[in-house]
Amino acid sequence: MRDMSDLKEKARDAKTDAKEAWRRADGVESLDDKLANATDRAKDKVADAGDELHEEADRLSRDIAYEEGRADEMSRSR
């Protein structure tokens, strides 16, 4: 599943890079442009962290379900 997060992260970075290039197209990078760029990068980092948290929660959930299934099978075989 890490591949999906990597793909999402690269897509976010490409989108933000395009926005930054568009803001620089006039040849002047204003304070507003810099603030918008920093805001976009911060949003991307928060989204990346959310993806990682979601993946870890999914992994833990699968591990718990697996262990519960093993315990259930062990109790039936006795």
PDB file of N, CA and C in Angstrom:
ATOM      1  N   MET A   1       0.811  -1.197   0.000  1.00  0.00           N
ATOM      2  CA  MET A   1       0.000   0.000   0.000  1.00  0.00           C
ATOM      3  C   MET A   1       0.856   1.263   0.000  1.00  0.00           C
ATOM      4  N   ARG A   2       2.077   1.156   0.355  1.00  0.00           N
ATOM      5  CA  ARG A   2       2.946   2.330   0.378  1.00  0.00           C
ATOM      6  C   ARG A   2       3.057   2.947  -1.012  1.00  0.00           C
ATOM      7  N   ASP A   3       2.970   2.099  -2.041  1.00  0.00           N
ATOM      8  CA  ASP A   3       3.067   2.603  -3.407  1.00  0.00           C
ATOM      9  C   ASP A   3       1.967   3.621  -3.705  1.00  0.00           C
ATOM     10  N   MET A   4       0.766   3.398  -3.180  1.00  0.00           N
ATOM     11  CA  MET A   4      -0.334   4.324  -3.415  1.00  0.00           C
ATOM     12  C   MET A   4      -0.048   5.666  -2.746  1.00  0.00           C
ATOM     13  N   SER A   5       0.477   5.638  -1.544  1.00  0.00           N
ATOM     14  CA  SER A   5       0.823   6.886  -0.864  1.00  0.00           C
ATOM     15  C   SER A   5       1.922   7.626  -1.612  1.00  0.00           C
ATOM     16  N   ASP A   6       2.893   6.879  -2.109  1.00  0.00           N
ATOM     17  CA  ASP A   6       3.968   7.503  -2.887  1.00  0.00           C
ATOM     18  C   ASP A   6       3.400   8.162  -4.139  1.00  0.00           C
ATOM     19  N   LEU A   7       2.465   7.477  -4.777  1.00  0.00           N
ATOM     20  CA  LEU A   7       1.841   8.022  -5.975  1.00  0.00           C
ATOM     21  C   LEU A   7       1.058   9.297  -5.657  1.00  0.00           C
ATOM     22  N   LYS A   8       0.295   9.255  -4.571  1.00  0.00           N
ATOM     23  CA  LYS A   8      -0.461  10.438  -4.157  1.00  0.00           C
ATOM     24  C   LYS A   8       0.478  11.595  -3.814  1.00  0.00           C
ATOM     25  N   GLU A   9       1.561  11.286  -3.115  1.00  0.00           N
ATOM     26  CA  GLU A   9       2.528  12.317  -2.731  1.00  0.00           C
ATOM     27  C   GLU A   9       3.155  12.968  -3.976  1.00  0.00           C
ATOM     28  N   LYS A  10       3.528  12.137  -4.945  1.00  0.00           N
ATOM     29  CA  LYS A  10       4.125  12.671  -6.173  1.00  0.00           C
ATOM     30  C   LYS A  10       3.119  13.516  -6.949  1.00  0.00           C
ATOM     31  N   ALA A  11       1.867  13.097  -6.960  1.00  0.00           N
ATOM     32  CA  ALA A  11       0.829  13.873  -7.648  1.00  0.00           C
ATOM     33  C   ALA A  11       0.631  15.223  -6.962  1.00  0.00           C
ATOM     34  N   ARG A  12       0.613  15.215  -5.634  1.00  0.00           N
ATOM     35  CA  ARG A  12       0.472  16.477  -4.894  1.00  0.00           C
ATOM     36  C   ARG A  12       1.657  17.402  -5.176  1.00  0.00           C
ATOM     37  N   ASP A  13       2.865  16.829  -5.160  1.00  0.00           N
ATOM     38  CA  ASP A  13       4.059  17.632  -5.427  1.00  0.00           C
ATOM     39  C   ASP A  13       4.023  18.226  -6.836  1.00  0.00           C
ATOM     40  N   ALA A  14       3.600  17.432  -7.812  1.00  0.00           N
ATOM     41  CA  ALA A  14       3.530  17.917  -9.194  1.00  0.00           C
ATOM     42  C   ALA A  14       2.510  19.049  -9.309  1.00  0.00           C
ATOM     43  N   LYS A  15       1.375  18.886  -8.642  1.00  0.00           N
ATOM     44  CA  LYS A  15       0.341  19.925  -8.679  1.00  0.00           C
ATOM     45  C   LYS A  15       0.866  21.216  -8.051  1.00  0.00           C
ATOM     46  N   THR A  16       1.534  21.091  -6.910  1.00  0.00           N
ATOM     47  CA  THR A  16       2.067  22.271  -6.225  1.00  0.00           C
ATOM     48  C   THR A  16       3.194  22.910  -7.036  1.00  0.00           C
ATOM     49  N   ASP A  17       4.029  22.083  -7.657  1.00  0.00           N
ATOM     50  CA  ASP A  17       5.090  22.620  -8.527  1.00  0.00           C
ATOM     51  C   ASP A  17       4.482  23.429  -9.674  1.00  0.00           C
ATOM     52  N   ALA A  18       3.399  22.917 -10.249  1.00  0.00           N
ATOM     53  CA  ALA A  18       2.734  23.628 -11.350  1.00  0.00           C
ATOM     54  C   ALA A  18       2.158  24.957 -10.864  1.00  0.00           C
ATOM     55  N   LYS A  19       1.550  24.946  -9.677  1.00  0.00           N
ATOM     56  CA  LYS A  19       1.012  26.189  -9.116  1.00  0.00           C
ATOM     57  C   LYS A  19       2.126  27.207  -8.886  1.00  0.00           C
ATOM     58  N   GLU A  20       3.253  26.749  -8.347  1.00  0.00           N
ATOM     59  CA  GLU A  20       4.377  27.651  -8.098  1.00  0.00           C
ATOM     60  C   GLU A  20       4.913  28.230  -9.411  1.00  0.00           C
ATOM     61  N   ALA A  21       5.005  27.394 -10.436  1.00  0.00           N
ATOM     62  CA  ALA A  21       5.484  27.868 -11.738  1.00  0.00           C
ATOM     63  C   ALA A  21       4.521  28.911 -12.306  1.00  0.00           C
ATOM     64  N   TRP A  22       3.240  28.674 -12.144  1.00  0.00           N
ATOM     65  CA  TRP A  22       2.237  29.624 -12.624  1.00  0.00           C
ATOM     66  C   TRP A  22       2.370  30.957 -11.900  1.00  0.00           C
ATOM     67  N   ARG A  23       2.609  30.902 -10.602  1.00  0.00           N
ATOM     68  CA  ARG A  23       2.751  32.134  -9.831  1.00  0.00           C
ATOM     69  C   ARG A  23       4.016  32.910 -10.220  1.00  0.00           C
ATOM     70  N   ARG A  24       5.043  32.192 -10.681  1.00  0.00           N
ATOM     71  CA  ARG A  24       6.291  32.839 -11.098  1.00  0.00           C
ATOM     72  C   ARG A  24       6.249  33.302 -12.556  1.00  0.00           C
ATOM     73  N   ALA A  25       5.196  32.951 -13.262  1.00  0.00           N
ATOM     74  CA  ALA A  25       5.121  33.222 -14.705  1.00  0.00           C
ATOM     75  C   ALA A  25       5.218  34.714 -15.029  1.00  0.00           C
ATOM     76  N   ASP A  26       4.787  35.557 -14.112  1.00  0.00           N
ATOM     77  CA  ASP A  26       4.845  36.995 -14.386  1.00  0.00           C
ATOM     78  C   ASP A  26       6.232  37.586 -14.126  1.00  0.00           C
ATOM     79  N   GLY A  27       7.147  36.758 -13.655  1.00  0.00           N
ATOM     80  CA  GLY A  27       8.515  37.203 -13.418  1.00  0.00           C
ATOM     81  C   GLY A  27       8.753  37.802 -12.052  1.00  0.00           C
ATOM     82  N   VAL A  28       7.692  37.962 -11.284  1.00  0.00           N
ATOM     83  CA  VAL A  28       7.798  38.556  -9.953  1.00  0.00           C
ATOM     84  C   VAL A  28       7.167  37.596  -8.947  1.00  0.00           C
ATOM     85  N   GLU A  29       7.887  37.318  -7.888  1.00  0.00           N
ATOM     86  CA  GLU A  29       7.328  36.471  -6.831  1.00  0.00           C
ATOM     87  C   GLU A  29       7.024  37.373  -5.645  1.00  0.00           C
ATOM     88  N   SER A  30       5.769  37.692  -5.487  1.00  0.00           N
ATOM     89  CA  SER A  30       5.336  38.598  -4.424  1.00  0.00           C
ATOM     90  C   SER A  30       5.262  37.865  -3.088  1.00  0.00           C
ATOM     91  N   LEU A  31       5.041  38.614  -2.050  1.00  0.00           N
ATOM     92  CA  LEU A  31       4.857  38.028  -0.724  1.00  0.00           C
ATOM     93  C   LEU A  31       3.628  37.128  -0.715  1.00  0.00           C
ATOM     94  N   ASP A  32       2.581  37.556  -1.419  1.00  0.00           N
ATOM     95  CA  ASP A  32       1.377  36.716  -1.532  1.00  0.00           C
ATOM     96  C   ASP A  32       1.692  35.385  -2.205  1.00  0.00           C
ATOM     97  N   ASP A  33       2.524  35.425  -3.253  1.00  0.00           N
ATOM     98  CA  ASP A  33       2.923  34.198  -3.940  1.00  0.00           C
ATOM     99  C   ASP A  33       3.686  33.273  -2.990  1.00  0.00           C
ATOM    100  N   LYS A  34       4.608  33.861  -2.241  1.00  0.00           N
ATOM    101  CA  LYS A  34       5.401  33.060  -1.298  1.00  0.00           C
ATOM    102  C   LYS A  34       4.516  32.443  -0.224  1.00  0.00           C
ATOM    103  N   LEU A  35       3.571  33.212   0.275  1.00  0.00           N
ATOM    104  CA  LEU A  35       2.645  32.694   1.286  1.00  0.00           C
ATOM    105  C   LEU A  35       1.779  31.582   0.711  1.00  0.00           C
ATOM    106  N   ALA A  36       1.285  31.773  -0.498  1.00  0.00           N
ATOM    107  CA  ALA A  36       0.466  30.741  -1.144  1.00  0.00           C
ATOM    108  C   ALA A  36       1.280  29.468  -1.365  1.00  0.00           C
ATOM    109  N   ASN A  37       2.539  29.615  -1.791  1.00  0.00           N
ATOM    110  CA  ASN A  37       3.402  28.447  -1.994  1.00  0.00           C
ATOM    111  C   ASN A  37       3.631  27.703  -0.685  1.00  0.00           C
ATOM    112  N   ALA A  38       3.921  28.446   0.376  1.00  0.00           N
ATOM    113  CA  ALA A  38       4.152  27.812   1.680  1.00  0.00           C
ATOM    114  C   ALA A  38       2.890  27.122   2.179  1.00  0.00           C
ATOM    115  N   THR A  39       1.736  27.748   1.962  1.00  0.00           N
ATOM    116  CA  THR A  39       0.468  27.148   2.378  1.00  0.00           C
ATOM    117  C   THR A  39       0.204  25.852   1.610  1.00  0.00           C
ATOM    118  N   ASP A  40       0.445  25.875   0.299  1.00  0.00           N
ATOM    119  CA  ASP A  40       0.251  24.665  -0.510  1.00  0.00           C
ATOM    120  C   ASP A  40       1.165  23.539  -0.042  1.00  0.00           C
ATOM    121  N   ARG A  41       2.430  23.852   0.229  1.00  0.00           N
ATOM    122  CA  ARG A  41       3.379  22.824   0.685  1.00  0.00           C
ATOM    123  C   ARG A  41       2.959  22.261   2.047  1.00  0.00           C
ATOM    124  N   ALA A  42       2.485  23.134   2.944  1.00  0.00           N
ATOM    125  CA  ALA A  42       2.048  22.677   4.263  1.00  0.00           C
ATOM    126  C   ALA A  42       0.830  21.757   4.137  1.00  0.00           C
ATOM    127  N   LYS A  43      -0.109  22.133   3.273  1.00  0.00           N
ATOM    128  CA  LYS A  43      -1.292  21.281   3.053  1.00  0.00           C
ATOM    129  C   LYS A  43      -0.877  19.917   2.514  1.00  0.00           C
ATOM    130  N   ASP A  44       0.088  19.909   1.607  1.00  0.00           N
ATOM    131  CA  ASP A  44       0.577  18.641   1.055  1.00  0.00           C
ATOM    132  C   ASP A  44       1.177  17.762   2.151  1.00  0.00           C
ATOM    133  N   LYS A  45       1.965  18.362   3.037  1.00  0.00           N
ATOM    134  CA  LYS A  45       2.587  17.586   4.120  1.00  0.00           C
ATOM    135  C   LYS A  45       1.537  17.003   5.057  1.00  0.00           C
ATOM    136  N   VAL A  46       0.507  17.784   5.356  1.00  0.00           N
ATOM    137  CA  VAL A  46      -0.579  17.290   6.215  1.00  0.00           C
ATOM    138  C   VAL A  46      -1.301  16.124   5.530  1.00  0.00           C
ATOM    139  N   ALA A  47      -1.564  16.262   4.240  1.00  0.00           N
ATOM    140  CA  ALA A  47      -2.225  15.185   3.498  1.00  0.00           C
ATOM    141  C   ALA A  47      -1.347  13.933   3.445  1.00  0.00           C
ATOM    142  N   ASP A  48      -0.042  14.112   3.250  1.00  0.00           N
ATOM    143  CA  ASP A  48       0.883  12.970   3.235  1.00  0.00           C
ATOM    144  C   ASP A  48       0.885  12.262   4.593  1.00  0.00           C
ATOM    145  N   ALA A  49       0.911  13.041   5.669  1.00  0.00           N
ATOM    146  CA  ALA A  49       0.890  12.458   7.010  1.00  0.00           C
ATOM    147  C   ALA A  49      -0.424  11.716   7.251  1.00  0.00           C
ATOM    148  N   GLY A  50      -1.514  12.270   6.765  1.00  0.00           N
ATOM    149  CA  GLY A  50      -2.812  11.599   6.897  1.00  0.00           C
ATOM    150  C   GLY A  50      -2.834  10.273   6.161  1.00  0.00           C
ATOM    151  N   ASP A  51      -2.243  10.234   4.974  1.00  0.00           N
ATOM    152  CA  ASP A  51      -2.165   8.977   4.222  1.00  0.00           C
ATOM    153  C   ASP A  51      -1.350   7.938   4.979  1.00  0.00           C
ATOM    154  N   GLU A  52      -0.230   8.366   5.539  1.00  0.00           N
ATOM    155  CA  GLU A  52       0.607   7.429   6.296  1.00  0.00           C
ATOM    156  C   GLU A  52      -0.119   6.910   7.534  1.00  0.00           C
ATOM    157  N   LEU A  53      -0.820   7.793   8.227  1.00  0.00           N
ATOM    158  CA  LEU A  53      -1.590   7.387   9.406  1.00  0.00           C
ATOM    159  C   LEU A  53      -2.679   6.396   9.020  1.00  0.00           C
ATOM    160  N   HIS A  54      -3.364   6.675   7.925  1.00  0.00           N
ATOM    161  CA  HIS A  54      -4.423   5.782   7.452  1.00  0.00           C
ATOM    162  C   HIS A  54      -3.856   4.404   7.111  1.00  0.00           C
ATOM    163  N   GLU A  55      -2.723   4.375   6.424  1.00  0.00           N
ATOM    164  CA  GLU A  55      -2.097   3.100   6.083  1.00  0.00           C
ATOM    165  C   GLU A  55      -1.700   2.307   7.322  1.00  0.00           C
ATOM    166  N   GLU A  56      -1.156   2.986   8.309  1.00  0.00           N
ATOM    167  CA  GLU A  56      -0.746   2.304   9.539  1.00  0.00           C
ATOM    168  C   GLU A  56      -1.968   1.765  10.281  1.00  0.00           C
ATOM    169  N   ALA A  57      -3.043   2.536  10.325  1.00  0.00           N
ATOM    170  CA  ALA A  57      -4.275   2.072  10.976  1.00  0.00           C
ATOM    171  C   ALA A  57      -4.827   0.843  10.253  1.00  0.00           C
ATOM    172  N   ASP A  58      -4.784   0.859   8.918  1.00  0.00           N
ATOM    173  CA  ASP A  58      -5.236  -0.302   8.145  1.00  0.00           C
ATOM    174  C   ASP A  58      -4.382  -1.530   8.458  1.00  0.00           C
ATOM    175  N   ARG A  59      -3.074  -1.328   8.526  1.00  0.00           N
ATOM    176  CA  ARG A  59      -2.170  -2.450   8.801  1.00  0.00           C
ATOM    177  C   ARG A  59      -2.445  -3.035  10.176  1.00  0.00           C
ATOM    178  N   LEU A  60      -2.602  -2.164  11.173  1.00  0.00           N
ATOM    179  CA  LEU A  60      -2.892  -2.645  12.526  1.00  0.00           C
ATOM    180  C   LEU A  60      -4.219  -3.376  12.583  1.00  0.00           C
ATOM    181  N   SER A  61      -5.214  -2.861  11.884  1.00  0.00           N
ATOM    182  CA  SER A  61      -6.527  -3.505  11.850  1.00  0.00           C
ATOM    183  C   SER A  61      -6.433  -4.906  11.234  1.00  0.00           C
ATOM    184  N   ARG A  62      -5.691  -5.027  10.142  1.00  0.00           N
ATOM    185  CA  ARG A  62      -5.510  -6.344   9.512  1.00  0.00           C
ATOM    186  C   ARG A  62      -4.770  -7.296  10.441  1.00  0.00           C
ATOM    187  N   ASP A  63      -3.743  -6.803  11.134  1.00  0.00           N
ATOM    188  CA  ASP A  63      -2.989  -7.642  12.059  1.00  0.00           C
ATOM    189  C   ASP A  63      -3.871  -8.144  13.191  1.00  0.00           C
ATOM    190  N   ILE A  64      -4.693  -7.262  13.736  1.00  0.00           N
ATOM    191  CA  ILE A  64      -5.589  -7.647  14.833  1.00  0.00           C
ATOM    192  C   ILE A  64      -6.602  -8.679  14.351  1.00  0.00           C
ATOM    193  N   ALA A  65      -7.192  -8.447  13.168  1.00  0.00           N
ATOM    194  CA  ALA A  65      -8.171  -9.396  12.627  1.00  0.00           C
ATOM    195  C   ALA A  65      -7.517 -10.758  12.392  1.00  0.00           C
ATOM    196  N   TYR A  66      -6.289 -10.753  11.913  1.00  0.00           N
ATOM    197  CA  TYR A  66      -5.571 -12.002  11.683  1.00  0.00           C
ATOM    198  C   TYR A  66      -5.359 -12.748  12.998  1.00  0.00           C
ATOM    199  N   GLU A  67      -4.891 -12.033  14.011  1.00  0.00           N
ATOM    200  CA  GLU A  67      -4.648 -12.670  15.308  1.00  0.00           C
ATOM    201  C   GLU A  67      -5.943 -13.173  15.940  1.00  0.00           C
ATOM    202  N   GLU A  68      -7.021 -12.425  15.804  1.00  0.00           N
ATOM    203  CA  GLU A  68      -8.311 -12.875  16.336  1.00  0.00           C
ATOM    204  C   GLU A  68      -8.781 -14.129  15.612  1.00  0.00           C
ATOM    205  N   GLY A  69      -8.553 -14.163  14.299  1.00  0.00           N
ATOM    206  CA  GLY A  69      -8.914 -15.353  13.529  1.00  0.00           C
ATOM    207  C   GLY A  69      -8.101 -16.556  13.952  1.00  0.00           C
ATOM    208  N   ARG A  70      -6.821 -16.353  14.223  1.00  0.00           N
ATOM    209  CA  ARG A  70      -5.969 -17.463  14.687  1.00  0.00           C
ATOM    210  C   ARG A  70      -6.436 -17.962  16.054  1.00  0.00           C
ATOM    211  N   ALA A  71      -6.767 -17.045  16.948  1.00  0.00           N
ATOM    212  CA  ALA A  71      -7.225 -17.433  18.275  1.00  0.00           C
ATOM    213  C   ALA A  71      -8.536 -18.206  18.178  1.00  0.00           C
ATOM    214  N   ASP A  72      -9.409 -17.765  17.278  1.00  0.00           N
ATOM    215  CA  ASP A  72     -10.684 -18.436  17.103  1.00  0.00           C
ATOM    216  C   ASP A  72     -10.461 -19.846  16.571  1.00  0.00           C
ATOM    217  N   GLU A  73      -9.579 -20.014  15.614  1.00  0.00           N
ATOM    218  CA  GLU A  73      -9.271 -21.340  15.064  1.00  0.00           C
ATOM    219  C   GLU A  73      -8.631 -22.235  16.121  1.00  0.00           C
ATOM    220  N   MET A  74      -7.781 -21.667  16.961  1.00  0.00           N
ATOM    221  CA  MET A  74      -7.123 -22.460  18.004  1.00  0.00           C
ATOM    222  C   MET A  74      -8.151 -22.960  19.015  1.00  0.00           C
ATOM    223  N   SER A  75      -9.144 -22.127  19.344  1.00  0.00           N
ATOM    224  CA  SER A  75     -10.136 -22.550  20.326  1.00  0.00           C
ATOM    225  C   SER A  75     -11.071 -23.604  19.751  1.00  0.00           C
ATOM    226  N   ARG A  76     -11.282 -23.642  18.470  1.00  0.00           N
ATOM    227  CA  ARG A  76     -12.147 -24.651  17.844  1.00  0.00           C
ATOM    228  C   ARG A  76     -11.480 -26.008  17.758  1.00  0.00           C
ATOM    229  N   SER A  77     -10.193 -26.043  17.630  1.00  0.00           N
ATOM    230  CA  SER A  77      -9.499 -27.308  17.428  1.00  0.00           C
ATOM    231  C   SER A  77      -9.290 -28.083  18.725  1.00  0.00           C
ATOM    232  N   ARG A  78      -9.689 -27.514  19.829  1.00  0.00           N
ATOM    233  CA  ARG A  78      -9.491 -28.220  21.102  1.00  0.00           C
ATOM    234  C   ARG A  78     -10.670 -29.022  21.497  1.00  0.00           C
TER     235      ARG A  78
END
